[in-house]
Amino acid sequence: MDTTSIEVQMFIISGQLGNLSLKNFAKLQILQALFTV
């Protein structure tokens, strides 16, 4: 099972619940890039 897809789904759910801004989305992209290295 791909863990990244699960993280994306969790982010989408949390985004819908918390109505996250684009800034937070950018932060997540940076964090994911760091963790996937």
PDB file of N, CA and C in Angstrom:
ATOM      1  N   MET A   1       0.848  -1.204   0.000  1.00  0.00           N
ATOM      2  CA  MET A   1       0.000   0.000   0.000  1.00  0.00           C
ATOM      3  C   MET A   1       0.882   1.253   0.000  1.00  0.00           C
ATOM      4  N   ASP A   2       0.494   2.229  -0.799  1.00  0.00           N
ATOM      5  CA  ASP A   2       1.291   3.446  -0.902  1.00  0.00           C
ATOM      6  C   ASP A   2       0.918   4.413   0.216  1.00  0.00           C
ATOM      7  N   THR A   3       1.890   4.744   1.048  1.00  0.00           N
ATOM      8  CA  THR A   3       1.605   5.618   2.195  1.00  0.00           C
ATOM      9  C   THR A   3       1.367   7.053   1.757  1.00  0.00           C
ATOM     10  N   THR A   4       1.971   7.457   0.637  1.00  0.00           N
ATOM     11  CA  THR A   4       1.812   8.838   0.193  1.00  0.00           C
ATOM     12  C   THR A   4       0.365   9.121  -0.203  1.00  0.00           C
ATOM     13  N   SER A   5      -0.288   8.142  -0.827  1.00  0.00           N
ATOM     14  CA  SER A   5      -1.680   8.334  -1.226  1.00  0.00           C
ATOM     15  C   SER A   5      -2.560   8.501   0.007  1.00  0.00           C
ATOM     16  N   ILE A   6      -2.222   7.772   1.074  1.00  0.00           N
ATOM     17  CA  ILE A   6      -2.981   7.890   2.320  1.00  0.00           C
ATOM     18  C   ILE A   6      -2.786   9.283   2.908  1.00  0.00           C
ATOM     19  N   GLU A   7      -1.553   9.780   2.868  1.00  0.00           N
ATOM     20  CA  GLU A   7      -1.266  11.114   3.390  1.00  0.00           C
ATOM     21  C   GLU A   7      -2.030  12.166   2.603  1.00  0.00           C
ATOM     22  N   VAL A   8      -2.095  11.981   1.290  1.00  0.00           N
ATOM     23  CA  VAL A   8      -2.823  12.931   0.444  1.00  0.00           C
ATOM     24  C   VAL A   8      -4.303  12.920   0.795  1.00  0.00           C
ATOM     25  N   GLN A   9      -4.863  11.716   0.979  1.00  0.00           N
ATOM     26  CA  GLN A   9      -6.275  11.612   1.341  1.00  0.00           C
ATOM     27  C   GLN A   9      -6.536  12.275   2.682  1.00  0.00           C
ATOM     28  N   MET A  10      -5.634  12.053   3.647  1.00  0.00           N
ATOM     29  CA  MET A  10      -5.784  12.665   4.964  1.00  0.00           C
ATOM     30  C   MET A  10      -5.709  14.179   4.856  1.00  0.00           C
ATOM     31  N   PHE A  11      -4.819  14.674   3.982  1.00  0.00           N
ATOM     32  CA  PHE A  11      -4.687  16.115   3.794  1.00  0.00           C
ATOM     33  C   PHE A  11      -5.953  16.694   3.185  1.00  0.00           C
ATOM     34  N   ILE A  12      -6.509  15.991   2.203  1.00  0.00           N
ATOM     35  CA  ILE A  12      -7.736  16.455   1.557  1.00  0.00           C
ATOM     36  C   ILE A  12      -8.870  16.516   2.571  1.00  0.00           C
ATOM     37  N   ILE A  13      -8.977  15.469   3.402  1.00  0.00           N
ATOM     38  CA  ILE A  13     -10.023  15.434   4.424  1.00  0.00           C
ATOM     39  C   ILE A  13      -9.822  16.561   5.427  1.00  0.00           C
ATOM     40  N   SER A  14      -8.595  16.717   5.914  1.00  0.00           N
ATOM     41  CA  SER A  14      -8.305  17.767   6.891  1.00  0.00           C
ATOM     42  C   SER A  14      -8.510  19.142   6.260  1.00  0.00           C
ATOM     43  N   GLY A  15      -8.225  19.246   4.970  1.00  0.00           N
ATOM     44  CA  GLY A  15      -8.415  20.511   4.270  1.00  0.00           C
ATOM     45  C   GLY A  15      -9.888  20.867   4.187  1.00  0.00           C
ATOM     46  N   GLN A  16     -10.723  19.856   3.937  1.00  0.00           N
ATOM     47  CA  GLN A  16     -12.157  20.089   3.861  1.00  0.00           C
ATOM     48  C   GLN A  16     -12.710  20.452   5.231  1.00  0.00           C
ATOM     49  N   LEU A  17     -12.161  19.822   6.282  1.00  0.00           N
ATOM     50  CA  LEU A  17     -12.645  20.095   7.632  1.00  0.00           C
ATOM     51  C   LEU A  17     -12.156  21.447   8.126  1.00  0.00           C
ATOM     52  N   GLY A  18     -10.874  21.743   7.886  1.00  0.00           N
ATOM     53  CA  GLY A  18     -10.275  22.962   8.426  1.00  0.00           C
ATOM     54  C   GLY A  18     -10.238  24.109   7.430  1.00  0.00           C
ATOM     55  N   ASN A  19     -10.624  23.852   6.178  1.00  0.00           N
ATOM     56  CA  ASN A  19     -10.613  24.892   5.147  1.00  0.00           C
ATOM     57  C   ASN A  19      -9.238  25.546   5.091  1.00  0.00           C
ATOM     58  N   LEU A  20      -8.214  24.707   4.871  1.00  0.00           N
ATOM     59  CA  LEU A  20      -6.836  25.189   4.870  1.00  0.00           C
ATOM     60  C   LEU A  20      -6.573  26.144   3.709  1.00  0.00           C
ATOM     61  N   SER A  21      -5.661  27.061   3.951  1.00  0.00           N
ATOM     62  CA  SER A  21      -5.322  28.058   2.938  1.00  0.00           C
ATOM     63  C   SER A  21      -4.240  27.523   2.004  1.00  0.00           C
ATOM     64  N   LEU A  22      -3.968  28.259   0.940  1.00  0.00           N
ATOM     65  CA  LEU A  22      -2.934  27.846  -0.006  1.00  0.00           C
ATOM     66  C   LEU A  22      -1.563  27.876   0.639  1.00  0.00           C
ATOM     67  N   LYS A  23      -1.386  28.744   1.635  1.00  0.00           N
ATOM     68  CA  LYS A  23      -0.095  28.806   2.331  1.00  0.00           C
ATOM     69  C   LYS A  23       0.173  27.480   3.028  1.00  0.00           C
ATOM     70  N   ASN A  24      -0.838  26.947   3.705  1.00  0.00           N
ATOM     71  CA  ASN A  24      -0.673  25.670   4.390  1.00  0.00           C
ATOM     72  C   ASN A  24      -0.425  24.559   3.377  1.00  0.00           C
ATOM     73  N   PHE A  25      -1.081  24.651   2.224  1.00  0.00           N
ATOM     74  CA  PHE A  25      -0.883  23.647   1.186  1.00  0.00           C
ATOM     75  C   PHE A  25       0.563  23.687   0.696  1.00  0.00           C
ATOM     76  N   ALA A  26       1.097  24.888   0.538  1.00  0.00           N
ATOM     77  CA  ALA A  26       2.486  25.034   0.101  1.00  0.00           C
ATOM     78  C   ALA A  26       3.426  24.449   1.148  1.00  0.00           C
ATOM     79  N   LYS A  27       3.113  24.690   2.426  1.00  0.00           N
ATOM     80  CA  LYS A  27       3.930  24.137   3.506  1.00  0.00           C
ATOM     81  C   LYS A  27       3.928  22.617   3.433  1.00  0.00           C
ATOM     82  N   LEU A  28       2.768  22.028   3.178  1.00  0.00           N
ATOM     83  CA  LEU A  28       2.675  20.570   3.101  1.00  0.00           C
ATOM     84  C   LEU A  28       3.517  20.050   1.940  1.00  0.00           C
ATOM     85  N   GLN A  29       3.469  20.753   0.809  1.00  0.00           N
ATOM     86  CA  GLN A  29       4.258  20.330  -0.348  1.00  0.00           C
ATOM     87  C   GLN A  29       5.738  20.321  -0.010  1.00  0.00           C
ATOM     88  N   ILE A  30       6.188  21.349   0.717  1.00  0.00           N
ATOM     89  CA  ILE A  30       7.601  21.435   1.102  1.00  0.00           C
ATOM     90  C   ILE A  30       7.948  20.304   2.060  1.00  0.00           C
ATOM     91  N   LEU A  31       7.074  20.068   3.041  1.00  0.00           N
ATOM     92  CA  LEU A  31       7.328  19.004   4.009  1.00  0.00           C
ATOM     93  C   LEU A  31       7.368  17.648   3.318  1.00  0.00           C
ATOM     94  N   GLN A  32       6.437  17.416   2.394  1.00  0.00           N
ATOM     95  CA  GLN A  32       6.420  16.141   1.678  1.00  0.00           C
ATOM     96  C   GLN A  32       7.703  15.975   0.870  1.00  0.00           C
ATOM     97  N   ALA A  33       8.169  17.054   0.258  1.00  0.00           N
ATOM     98  CA  ALA A  33       9.397  16.983  -0.537  1.00  0.00           C
ATOM     99  C   ALA A  33      10.578  16.608   0.356  1.00  0.00           C
ATOM    100  N   LEU A  34      10.600  17.161   1.564  1.00  0.00           N
ATOM    101  CA  LEU A  34      11.693  16.861   2.488  1.00  0.00           C
ATOM    102  C   LEU A  34      11.633  15.409   2.950  1.00  0.00           C
ATOM    103  N   PHE A  35      10.424  14.933   3.238  1.00  0.00           N
ATOM    104  CA  PHE A  35      10.292  13.575   3.769  1.00  0.00           C
ATOM    105  C   PHE A  35      10.514  12.514   2.700  1.00  0.00           C
ATOM    106  N   THR A  36      10.222  12.837   1.442  1.00  0.00           N
ATOM    107  CA  THR A  36      10.351  11.840   0.385  1.00  0.00           C
ATOM    108  C   THR A  36      11.795  11.714  -0.086  1.00  0.00           C
ATOM    109  N   VAL A  37      12.660  12.635   0.306  1.00  0.00           N
ATOM    110  CA  VAL A  37      14.073  12.573  -0.101  1.00  0.00           C
ATOM    111  C   VAL A  37      14.758  11.391   0.578  1.00  0.00           C
TER     112      VAL A  37
END
